[in-house]
């Protein structure tokens, strides 16, 4: 994320505004980013400060060659590790010695090394992968299937999951997670009360709503926790994801589990929700969908788990054998509540005429005022629940990509439209930015779909 007061000059533009006052705009954050300059200060800025900043940022001699090489090697090794996952049947890899905890729950800076506990993989899960620059790297490989991360509170369960969800991106060398990688199609899903949903088939999880409302093309401007989480899963699968990341703490309880006592108290005829517990094995066995799930209180998932990790003092332990023995010795007594087989519906068709990026005389009104908001046309989209977004530059790039798509004769079907956007992204981010500001960051198809799905004006067929 770029700070408006501390950024690197990438591109600048000088123009007169409508009042004839000289305006200087900078792509990535000169201290005067977006500041109107009038009088002698404009000359000083253009003749002294801009050349000085160009010399200290854009020219080859401004950078330490060793540091450039270190960053390039770190990225190359991460890419290599990520590309090695599928052949090994893994969905994620956490290198030994990684530092996963962050300084705070609202920031992304690593904990001070003297305070952090270095990650150490369990012997039963330790794998060794050769990298181009570091040579052999050992760490914990998380296999395909259903993996449960369990343990007491404050022992690192969610910290591990957050490292896994951020492993779809490469990190800086000193981040502590530079050798934590995750399969590219991983999507974090959660409950999101109040979000809009447009025409999503949530019937694999929710049917027979009171009042007879259909759920095969469910729409809502104010979804509940359970309907929003069901929609998030179906939307992720529609985009091609086959790896779901879920944290019990950010999930709707009634969506995740319905235990034996509640089954006895409330008959199935009075419960429209098929819990995720009753679909997770079917997703794995019939649709090839793996799940990494953080749990603290829903032991019923032990029956379905392929792997159970216990976090204790930020160290992982493989307790799969013990967990299966516990599940056998202490049966839940519940019955599976699925209503028929899980089928994935055809992808939706987008009405792109409703995706309007303009406002007033502006053909494209796309802004990102903070790390979790996109202003798109007349709409303000709340992105706070999209935990894999990484900052304003990426959010703005997504907004511009949607604006570009809406006027580029886009394909109607969601996957086809995403294919078109990602193909255009291969030609560079400037494809989407007519002003060529340079203040953009790359994204995956899953992020752009998630933003589009939260556009309240969206309509689908």
Protein backbone atom coordinates (compact mmCIF):
# COMPACT_ATOMS: atom_id res chain seq x y z
CA UNK A 1 0.00 0.00 0.00
CA UNK A 2 1.29 3.42 -0.89
CA UNK A 3 1.24 6.18 1.71
CA UNK A 4 0.44 9.57 0.07
CA UNK A 5 3.37 11.05 1.96
CA UNK A 6 5.90 8.31 1.24
CA UNK A 7 5.88 6.84 -2.22
CA UNK A 8 8.06 6.24 -5.20
CA UNK A 9 7.67 8.36 -8.32
CA UNK A 10 6.49 6.25 -11.22
CA UNK A 11 4.91 8.73 -13.59
CA UNK A 12 3.82 12.37 -13.43
CA UNK A 13 1.49 14.64 -15.33
CA UNK A 14 1.38 18.44 -15.46
CA UNK A 15 -1.74 20.23 -16.63
CA UNK A 16 -3.86 23.34 -16.17
CA UNK A 17 -7.10 22.82 -14.31
CA UNK A 18 -10.36 24.52 -15.30
CA UNK A 19 -9.38 27.66 -13.36
CA UNK A 20 -6.03 27.96 -15.11
CA UNK A 21 -4.07 26.93 -12.01
CA UNK A 22 -1.12 24.65 -12.55
CA UNK A 23 -1.84 21.17 -11.19
CA UNK A 24 0.82 18.50 -10.73
CA UNK A 25 -0.28 14.91 -10.22
CA UNK A 26 1.98 12.03 -9.32
CA UNK A 27 1.25 8.41 -9.84
CA UNK A 28 2.73 6.98 -6.72
CA UNK A 29 3.13 9.40 -4.03
CA UNK A 30 5.43 12.34 -4.12
CA UNK A 31 4.86 14.22 -0.87
CA UNK A 32 2.88 16.70 -3.00
CA UNK A 33 0.68 13.98 -4.55
CA UNK A 34 -2.48 15.60 -5.89
CA UNK A 35 -1.49 19.04 -4.54
CA UNK A 36 -2.39 22.16 -6.51
CA UNK A 37 0.63 24.42 -6.97
CA UNK A 38 0.35 28.12 -7.76
CA UNK A 39 3.21 30.55 -8.18
CA UNK A 40 6.98 30.04 -7.83
CA UNK A 41 6.55 26.81 -5.92
CA UNK A 42 5.50 25.11 -9.13
CA UNK A 43 8.78 26.01 -10.80
CA UNK A 44 10.82 24.77 -7.84
CA UNK A 45 8.88 21.55 -7.86
CA UNK A 46 9.45 20.92 -11.56
CA UNK A 47 13.08 22.04 -11.76
CA UNK A 48 14.42 20.78 -8.45
CA UNK A 49 12.24 18.33 -6.56
CA UNK A 50 11.08 16.20 -9.50
CA UNK A 51 14.61 15.73 -10.93
CA UNK A 52 15.90 14.91 -7.45
CA UNK A 53 13.20 12.31 -6.90
CA UNK A 54 13.77 10.80 -10.35
CA UNK A 55 17.45 10.46 -9.55
CA UNK A 56 16.77 8.86 -6.19
CA UNK A 57 14.10 6.42 -7.37
CA UNK A 58 13.90 5.68 -11.09
CA UNK A 59 17.55 5.56 -12.11
CA UNK A 60 19.51 2.35 -11.82
CA UNK A 61 22.20 3.89 -9.66
CA UNK A 62 19.67 4.84 -6.99
CA UNK A 63 19.28 1.27 -5.82
CA UNK A 64 21.55 -1.19 -4.09
CA UNK A 65 22.17 -4.00 -6.60
CA UNK A 66 22.41 -6.57 -3.80
CA UNK A 67 19.02 -5.57 -2.42
CA UNK A 68 17.44 -5.70 -5.89
CA UNK A 69 18.90 -9.16 -6.41
CA UNK A 70 17.66 -10.29 -2.97
CA UNK A 71 14.11 -9.18 -3.75
CA UNK A 72 14.17 -10.82 -7.17
CA UNK A 73 15.50 -14.08 -5.70
CA UNK A 74 12.81 -14.07 -2.98
CA UNK A 75 10.06 -13.69 -5.57
CA UNK A 76 11.58 -16.35 -7.81
CA UNK A 77 11.79 -18.85 -4.94
CA UNK A 78 8.19 -18.17 -3.87
CA UNK A 79 6.95 -18.65 -7.43
CA UNK A 80 8.87 -21.91 -7.66
CA UNK A 81 7.48 -23.20 -4.37
CA UNK A 82 3.92 -22.34 -5.38
CA UNK A 83 4.32 -24.05 -8.75
CA UNK A 84 5.55 -27.21 -6.98
CA UNK A 85 2.42 -27.66 -4.84
CA UNK A 86 0.05 -29.34 -7.30
CA UNK A 87 2.46 -32.10 -8.32
CA UNK A 88 2.93 -32.98 -4.65
CA UNK A 89 -0.79 -32.97 -3.87
CA UNK A 90 -0.42 -29.95 -1.59
CA UNK A 91 -2.52 -26.82 -1.21
CA UNK A 92 -0.03 -24.82 0.88
CA UNK A 93 3.55 -24.83 2.18
CA UNK A 94 4.89 -23.06 5.28
CA UNK A 95 8.68 -23.04 5.47
CA UNK A 96 10.49 -23.85 8.69
CA UNK A 97 11.79 -20.68 10.31
CA UNK A 98 8.95 -18.52 9.01
CA UNK A 99 7.62 -15.81 11.31
CA UNK A 100 3.82 -15.77 11.01
CA UNK A 101 2.57 -13.44 13.80
CA UNK A 102 1.96 -9.77 12.96
CA UNK A 103 2.55 -6.80 15.26
CA UNK A 104 -1.18 -6.13 15.48
CA UNK A 105 -4.48 -7.44 14.22
CA UNK A 106 -4.98 -4.42 11.95
CA UNK A 107 -1.52 -4.23 10.38
CA UNK A 108 0.70 -6.41 8.24
CA UNK A 109 4.10 -5.72 9.78
CA UNK A 110 5.86 -8.80 11.20
CA UNK A 111 6.36 -9.18 14.92
CA UNK A 112 9.83 -8.27 16.15
CA UNK A 113 12.13 -11.30 15.62
CA UNK A 114 13.05 -11.49 19.32
CA UNK A 115 9.35 -11.82 20.21
CA UNK A 116 8.19 -14.16 17.44
CA UNK A 117 8.24 -17.95 17.64
CA UNK A 118 9.80 -19.41 14.50
CA UNK A 119 7.59 -21.89 12.68
CA UNK A 120 8.63 -25.54 12.89
CA UNK A 121 6.81 -28.20 10.90
CA UNK A 122 5.69 -31.51 12.45
CA UNK A 123 7.92 -34.37 11.36
CA UNK A 124 5.00 -36.28 9.83
CA UNK A 125 4.21 -33.34 7.53
CA UNK A 126 7.69 -32.11 6.72
CA UNK A 127 8.51 -31.88 3.04
CA UNK A 128 11.62 -30.70 1.24
CA UNK A 129 11.48 -28.64 -1.94
CA UNK A 130 14.39 -27.39 -4.01
CA UNK A 131 14.39 -23.69 -4.87
CA UNK A 132 16.41 -21.85 -7.53
CA UNK A 133 18.22 -19.57 -5.09
CA UNK A 134 18.01 -20.89 -1.53
CA UNK A 135 18.51 -24.50 -2.47
CA UNK A 136 16.51 -27.06 -0.47
CA UNK A 137 13.80 -25.64 1.81
CA UNK A 138 11.94 -27.71 4.41
CA UNK A 139 8.55 -26.95 5.84
CA UNK A 140 5.01 -28.12 6.43
CA UNK A 141 3.01 -29.22 3.42
CA UNK A 142 -0.76 -29.10 3.79
CA UNK A 143 -2.32 -31.80 1.60
CA UNK A 144 -5.46 -31.66 -0.49
CA UNK A 145 -8.67 -32.65 1.29
CA UNK A 146 -10.18 -31.38 4.54
CA UNK A 147 -7.64 -29.97 7.00
CA UNK A 148 -8.74 -28.83 10.44
CA UNK A 149 -6.65 -26.37 12.46
CA UNK A 150 -7.64 -26.74 16.11
CA UNK A 151 -6.34 -25.67 19.51
CA UNK A 152 -7.01 -23.37 22.41
CA UNK A 153 -7.63 -19.67 22.11
CA UNK A 154 -4.62 -17.42 21.35
CA UNK A 155 -2.37 -20.31 20.29
CA UNK A 156 -2.05 -19.28 16.64
CA UNK A 157 -4.89 -20.96 14.73
CA UNK A 158 -6.13 -17.85 12.95
CA UNK A 159 -2.56 -16.56 12.58
CA UNK A 160 -1.69 -19.69 10.60
CA UNK A 161 -4.80 -19.35 8.43
CA UNK A 162 -4.05 -15.69 7.73
CA UNK A 163 -0.55 -16.65 6.60
CA UNK A 164 -2.06 -19.30 4.33
CA UNK A 165 -4.62 -16.92 2.82
CA UNK A 166 -1.91 -14.32 2.13
CA UNK A 167 0.29 -17.02 0.58
CA UNK A 168 -1.40 -16.47 -2.78
CA UNK A 169 0.82 -13.35 -2.99
CA UNK A 170 4.59 -13.02 -2.80
CA UNK A 171 6.08 -11.14 0.15
CA UNK A 172 9.09 -8.93 0.78
CA UNK A 173 12.27 -10.69 1.96
CA UNK A 174 11.92 -9.48 5.58
CA UNK A 175 8.18 -10.07 5.89
CA UNK A 176 8.60 -13.39 7.72
CA UNK A 177 6.26 -15.14 5.28
CA UNK A 178 8.34 -14.93 2.12
CA UNK A 179 8.45 -18.75 1.93
CA UNK A 180 4.79 -19.29 2.83
CA UNK A 181 2.93 -20.10 -0.38
CA UNK A 182 -0.59 -21.21 -1.19
CA UNK A 183 -2.23 -22.51 -4.32
CA UNK A 184 -3.35 -19.63 -6.51
CA UNK A 185 -7.06 -20.55 -6.41
CA UNK A 186 -7.44 -20.28 -2.61
CA UNK A 187 -10.39 -18.12 -1.53
CA UNK A 188 -11.16 -17.04 2.04
CA UNK A 189 -14.93 -17.21 2.63
CA UNK A 190 -16.82 -15.85 5.62
CA UNK A 191 -20.17 -14.54 6.80
CA UNK A 192 -20.87 -10.96 5.78
CA UNK A 193 -24.09 -9.57 7.20
CA UNK A 194 -25.63 -6.85 5.08
CA UNK A 195 -23.83 -7.51 1.78
CA UNK A 196 -25.73 -7.55 -1.50
CA UNK A 197 -26.18 -10.82 -3.40
CA UNK A 198 -27.36 -11.05 -7.01
CA UNK A 199 -28.87 -14.18 -8.50
CA UNK A 200 -26.69 -16.78 -6.73
CA UNK A 201 -27.83 -20.39 -6.49
CA UNK A 202 -27.44 -21.08 -2.79
CA UNK A 203 -29.80 -24.07 -2.87
CA UNK A 204 -27.00 -26.58 -2.09
CA UNK A 205 -26.96 -24.99 1.38
CA UNK A 206 -30.26 -23.16 1.87
CA UNK A 207 -33.74 -24.08 0.58
CA UNK A 208 -37.40 -23.60 1.49
CA UNK A 209 -37.11 -20.14 2.97
CA UNK A 210 -40.18 -18.87 4.81
CA UNK A 211 -42.55 -17.16 2.40
CA UNK A 212 -41.53 -19.43 -0.45
CA UNK A 213 -38.60 -17.32 -1.61
CA UNK A 214 -36.55 -19.21 -4.21
CA UNK A 215 -32.88 -19.85 -3.50
CA UNK A 216 -31.80 -21.12 -6.91
CA UNK A 217 -31.29 -17.47 -7.94
CA UNK A 218 -31.08 -15.78 -4.57
CA UNK A 219 -30.86 -12.00 -4.44
CA UNK A 220 -30.75 -9.71 -1.45
CA UNK A 221 -29.64 -6.19 -0.65
CA UNK A 222 -29.11 -7.19 2.98
CA UNK A 223 -28.01 -10.81 3.23
CA UNK A 224 -27.84 -12.60 6.56
CA UNK A 225 -24.75 -14.31 7.93
CA UNK A 226 -25.75 -17.74 6.62
CA UNK A 227 -27.00 -16.62 3.18
CA UNK A 228 -23.94 -14.41 2.66
CA UNK A 229 -21.55 -17.25 3.52
CA UNK A 230 -23.42 -19.67 1.26
CA UNK A 231 -23.26 -17.11 -1.55
CA UNK A 232 -19.53 -16.53 -1.00
CA UNK A 233 -18.81 -20.25 -1.41
CA UNK A 234 -20.91 -20.62 -4.55
CA UNK A 235 -19.38 -17.46 -6.06
CA UNK A 236 -15.86 -18.75 -5.39
CA UNK A 237 -16.64 -22.09 -7.04
CA UNK A 238 -18.24 -20.32 -10.00
CA UNK A 239 -14.93 -18.49 -10.60
CA UNK A 240 -12.95 -21.74 -10.56
CA UNK A 241 -11.69 -21.95 -6.98
CA UNK A 242 -11.18 -25.44 -5.61
CA UNK A 243 -9.64 -24.39 -2.30
CA UNK A 244 -11.75 -22.79 0.44
CA UNK A 245 -10.29 -21.20 3.57
CA UNK A 246 -12.70 -20.85 6.49
CA UNK A 247 -12.37 -19.59 10.07
CA UNK A 248 -15.03 -20.57 12.57
CA UNK A 249 -14.64 -17.14 14.24
CA UNK A 250 -15.83 -15.30 11.11
CA UNK A 251 -18.50 -17.80 10.10
CA UNK A 252 -22.22 -18.00 10.77
CA UNK A 253 -22.69 -20.68 13.43
CA UNK A 254 -25.96 -22.00 11.98
CA UNK A 255 -24.30 -22.30 8.58
CA UNK A 256 -21.35 -24.30 9.90
CA UNK A 257 -23.00 -26.81 12.26
CA UNK A 258 -26.32 -28.15 13.54
CA UNK A 259 -25.60 -30.55 16.36
CA UNK A 260 -27.58 -33.57 17.55
CA UNK A 261 -29.48 -31.77 20.26
CA UNK A 262 -30.63 -29.05 17.88
CA UNK A 263 -31.62 -31.70 15.34
CA UNK A 264 -33.78 -33.31 18.02
CA UNK A 265 -35.30 -30.00 19.10
CA UNK A 266 -36.02 -28.54 15.65
CA UNK A 267 -37.20 -30.99 12.98
CA UNK A 268 -35.51 -30.87 9.59
CA UNK A 269 -38.76 -29.64 8.04
CA UNK A 270 -38.36 -26.43 10.02
CA UNK A 271 -34.70 -25.81 9.16
CA UNK A 272 -33.87 -24.46 5.67
CA UNK A 273 -30.08 -24.64 6.15
CA UNK A 274 -27.95 -27.62 5.17
CA UNK A 275 -24.82 -26.98 7.28
CA UNK A 276 -21.41 -26.81 5.66
CA UNK A 277 -20.55 -29.88 7.74
CA UNK A 278 -22.99 -31.92 5.66
CA UNK A 279 -21.49 -30.72 2.36
CA UNK A 280 -17.76 -30.56 3.03
CA UNK A 281 -17.09 -34.24 2.24
CA UNK A 282 -19.20 -34.08 -0.90
CA UNK A 283 -17.34 -30.98 -2.03
CA UNK A 284 -14.07 -32.88 -1.55
CA UNK A 285 -15.06 -36.26 -2.99
CA UNK A 286 -17.33 -35.24 -5.88
CA UNK A 287 -16.07 -31.79 -6.86
CA UNK A 288 -12.37 -31.82 -5.91
CA UNK A 289 -12.75 -28.92 -3.46
CA UNK A 290 -10.27 -28.83 -0.59
CA UNK A 291 -10.97 -26.94 2.63
CA UNK A 292 -8.69 -25.57 5.35
CA UNK A 293 -10.86 -24.88 8.37
CA UNK A 294 -9.99 -23.26 11.71
CA UNK A 295 -12.04 -24.70 14.57
CA UNK A 296 -12.29 -24.08 18.28
CA UNK A 297 -15.65 -25.52 19.19
CA UNK A 298 -17.19 -27.67 16.44
CA UNK A 299 -15.79 -31.12 17.09
CA UNK A 300 -18.32 -32.75 14.76
CA UNK A 301 -15.96 -32.00 11.86
CA UNK A 302 -13.46 -34.55 13.19
CA UNK A 303 -15.40 -37.37 11.51
CA UNK A 304 -14.77 -35.90 8.05
CA UNK A 305 -11.20 -34.61 8.50
CA UNK A 306 -8.26 -35.91 6.48
CA UNK A 307 -5.76 -34.01 8.63
CA UNK A 308 -6.03 -32.41 12.05
CA UNK A 309 -3.41 -29.88 13.16
CA UNK A 310 -3.23 -28.67 16.74
CA UNK A 311 -1.69 -25.26 17.33
CA UNK A 312 -0.01 -25.01 20.75
CA UNK A 313 2.05 -21.95 21.52
CA UNK A 314 2.24 -21.09 17.80
CA UNK A 315 3.70 -24.53 17.04
CA UNK A 316 1.76 -27.05 14.91
CA UNK A 317 1.32 -30.69 15.89
CA UNK A 318 -0.19 -33.45 13.78
CA UNK A 319 -2.89 -35.04 15.95
CA UNK A 320 -4.85 -36.73 13.16
CA UNK A 321 -4.64 -40.23 14.66
CA UNK A 322 -5.70 -38.96 18.08
CA UNK A 323 -8.55 -36.93 16.56
CA UNK A 324 -9.92 -39.91 14.64
CA UNK A 325 -9.73 -42.04 17.78
CA UNK A 326 -11.63 -39.37 19.71
CA UNK A 327 -14.29 -39.15 17.00
CA UNK A 328 -14.77 -42.92 17.14
CA UNK A 329 -14.86 -43.08 20.95
CA UNK A 330 -17.20 -40.09 21.34
CA UNK A 331 -19.81 -40.27 18.59
CA UNK A 332 -21.88 -37.14 17.99
CA UNK A 333 -25.19 -38.91 17.48
CA UNK A 334 -26.18 -36.46 14.75
CA UNK A 335 -27.53 -37.48 11.36
CA UNK A 336 -26.43 -36.03 8.04
CA UNK A 337 -28.80 -33.27 7.03
CA UNK A 338 -28.09 -32.89 3.31
CA UNK A 339 -31.17 -32.70 1.12
CA UNK A 340 -30.14 -34.44 -2.06
CA UNK A 341 -26.81 -34.34 -3.88
CA UNK A 342 -24.79 -31.17 -4.22
CA UNK A 343 -24.88 -29.86 -7.78
CA UNK A 344 -23.11 -26.77 -9.03
CA UNK A 345 -25.38 -24.64 -11.21
CA UNK A 346 -24.43 -23.04 -14.50
CA UNK A 347 -22.52 -19.78 -14.24
CA UNK A 348 -24.52 -16.56 -14.21
CA UNK A 349 -24.79 -14.10 -17.08
CA UNK A 350 -23.93 -10.52 -16.17
CA UNK A 351 -26.04 -7.57 -17.31
CA UNK A 352 -23.13 -5.27 -18.05
CA UNK A 353 -25.47 -2.37 -18.80
CA UNK A 354 -25.98 -2.11 -15.03
CA UNK A 355 -22.24 -1.86 -14.37
CA UNK A 356 -21.94 1.91 -14.75
CA UNK A 357 -18.54 3.41 -13.83
CA UNK A 358 -19.46 6.99 -14.69
CA UNK A 359 -20.82 9.81 -12.58
CA UNK A 360 -21.90 13.19 -13.92
CA UNK A 361 -19.45 14.35 -16.55
CA UNK A 362 -16.92 11.74 -15.50
CA UNK A 363 -16.99 8.73 -17.82
CA UNK A 364 -15.04 6.79 -15.18
CA UNK A 365 -15.41 7.61 -11.50
CA UNK A 366 -13.19 5.08 -9.72
CA UNK A 367 -11.60 5.88 -6.36
CA UNK A 368 -10.23 3.99 -3.40
CA UNK A 369 -10.37 6.31 -0.37
CA UNK A 370 -9.02 3.62 1.97
CA UNK A 371 -7.89 0.00 2.07
CA UNK A 372 -11.41 -1.43 2.21
CA UNK A 373 -13.62 0.80 0.03
CA UNK A 374 -14.14 1.23 -3.70
CA UNK A 375 -16.14 4.10 -5.15
CA UNK A 376 -17.39 2.91 -8.52
CA UNK A 377 -19.58 5.31 -10.45
CA UNK A 378 -22.34 6.26 -8.02
CA UNK A 379 -21.85 3.19 -5.84
CA UNK A 380 -19.70 2.79 -2.74
CA UNK A 381 -18.65 -0.84 -2.30
CA UNK A 382 -17.68 -2.08 1.15
CA UNK A 383 -14.80 -4.55 0.76
CA UNK A 384 -13.92 -4.98 4.44
CA UNK A 385 -14.75 -8.71 4.38
CA UNK A 386 -12.42 -9.46 1.45
CA UNK A 387 -9.38 -10.38 3.51
CA UNK A 388 -7.14 -11.28 0.57
CA UNK A 389 -7.15 -7.76 -0.87
CA UNK A 390 -3.83 -6.05 -0.26
CA UNK A 391 -4.36 -2.30 -0.57
CA UNK A 392 -5.66 0.73 -2.37
CA UNK A 393 -3.56 0.26 -5.50
CA UNK A 394 -5.10 -3.16 -6.05
CA UNK A 395 -8.64 -1.99 -5.28
CA UNK A 396 -8.31 0.89 -7.73
CA UNK A 397 -6.94 -1.46 -10.40
CA UNK A 398 -9.96 -3.72 -9.94
CA UNK A 399 -12.32 -0.76 -10.27
CA UNK A 400 -10.62 0.39 -13.47
CA UNK A 401 -10.64 -3.17 -14.85
CA UNK A 402 -14.40 -3.39 -14.26
CA UNK A 403 -14.87 0.02 -15.91
CA UNK A 404 -12.79 -1.12 -18.90
CA UNK A 405 -14.74 -4.36 -19.13
CA UNK A 406 -18.14 -2.66 -19.02
CA UNK A 407 -17.34 -0.73 -22.21
CA UNK A 408 -15.34 -3.42 -24.05
CA UNK A 409 -18.15 -5.67 -25.30
CA UNK A 410 -17.62 -8.11 -22.45
CA UNK A 411 -18.63 -11.73 -22.38
CA UNK A 412 -21.85 -12.25 -20.44
CA UNK A 413 -20.99 -15.40 -18.48
CA UNK A 414 -19.03 -14.67 -15.31
CA UNK A 415 -16.10 -17.08 -16.00
CA UNK A 416 -15.77 -15.85 -19.60
CA UNK A 417 -15.71 -12.21 -18.50
CA UNK A 418 -13.03 -13.03 -15.93
CA UNK A 419 -10.99 -14.84 -18.59
CA UNK A 420 -11.17 -11.72 -20.76
CA UNK A 421 -10.03 -9.46 -17.93
CA UNK A 422 -7.13 -11.72 -16.95
CA UNK A 423 -6.01 -11.97 -20.58
CA UNK A 424 -5.99 -8.17 -20.80
CA UNK A 425 -4.07 -8.01 -17.52
CA UNK A 426 -1.35 -10.04 -19.21
CA UNK A 427 -0.70 -7.00 -21.43
CA UNK A 428 -0.09 -4.83 -18.37
CA UNK A 429 -2.12 -2.82 -15.88
CA UNK A 430 -1.98 0.24 -18.13
CA UNK A 431 -4.55 -1.54 -20.31
CA UNK A 432 -7.22 -0.45 -17.85
CA UNK A 433 -5.94 3.06 -17.08
CA UNK A 434 -6.38 5.70 -19.77
CA UNK A 435 -4.41 8.25 -17.75
CA UNK A 436 -1.50 5.81 -17.23
CA UNK A 437 -0.87 6.95 -13.66
CA UNK A 438 1.03 3.81 -12.67
CA UNK A 439 -0.74 3.68 -9.30
CA UNK A 440 -2.07 0.16 -9.74
CA UNK A 441 -1.36 -3.35 -8.45
CA UNK A 442 -2.18 -6.72 -9.98
CA UNK A 443 -5.08 -8.90 -8.86
CA UNK A 444 -6.47 -12.40 -9.29
CA UNK A 445 -9.75 -13.34 -10.96
CA UNK A 446 -11.19 -14.12 -7.53
CA UNK A 447 -10.70 -10.59 -6.21
CA UNK A 448 -12.28 -8.94 -9.24
CA UNK A 449 -15.26 -11.32 -9.09
CA UNK A 450 -15.70 -10.67 -5.36
CA UNK A 451 -15.77 -6.91 -5.91
CA UNK A 452 -18.21 -7.22 -8.81
CA UNK A 453 -20.45 -9.49 -6.74
CA UNK A 454 -20.71 -6.77 -4.08
CA UNK A 455 -21.78 -4.06 -6.51
CA UNK A 456 -25.35 -3.31 -5.45
CA UNK A 457 -26.34 -2.37 -9.00
CA UNK A 458 -25.27 -5.78 -10.34
CA UNK A 459 -27.96 -7.79 -12.11
CA UNK A 460 -27.50 -11.26 -13.56
CA UNK A 461 -29.49 -13.68 -15.65
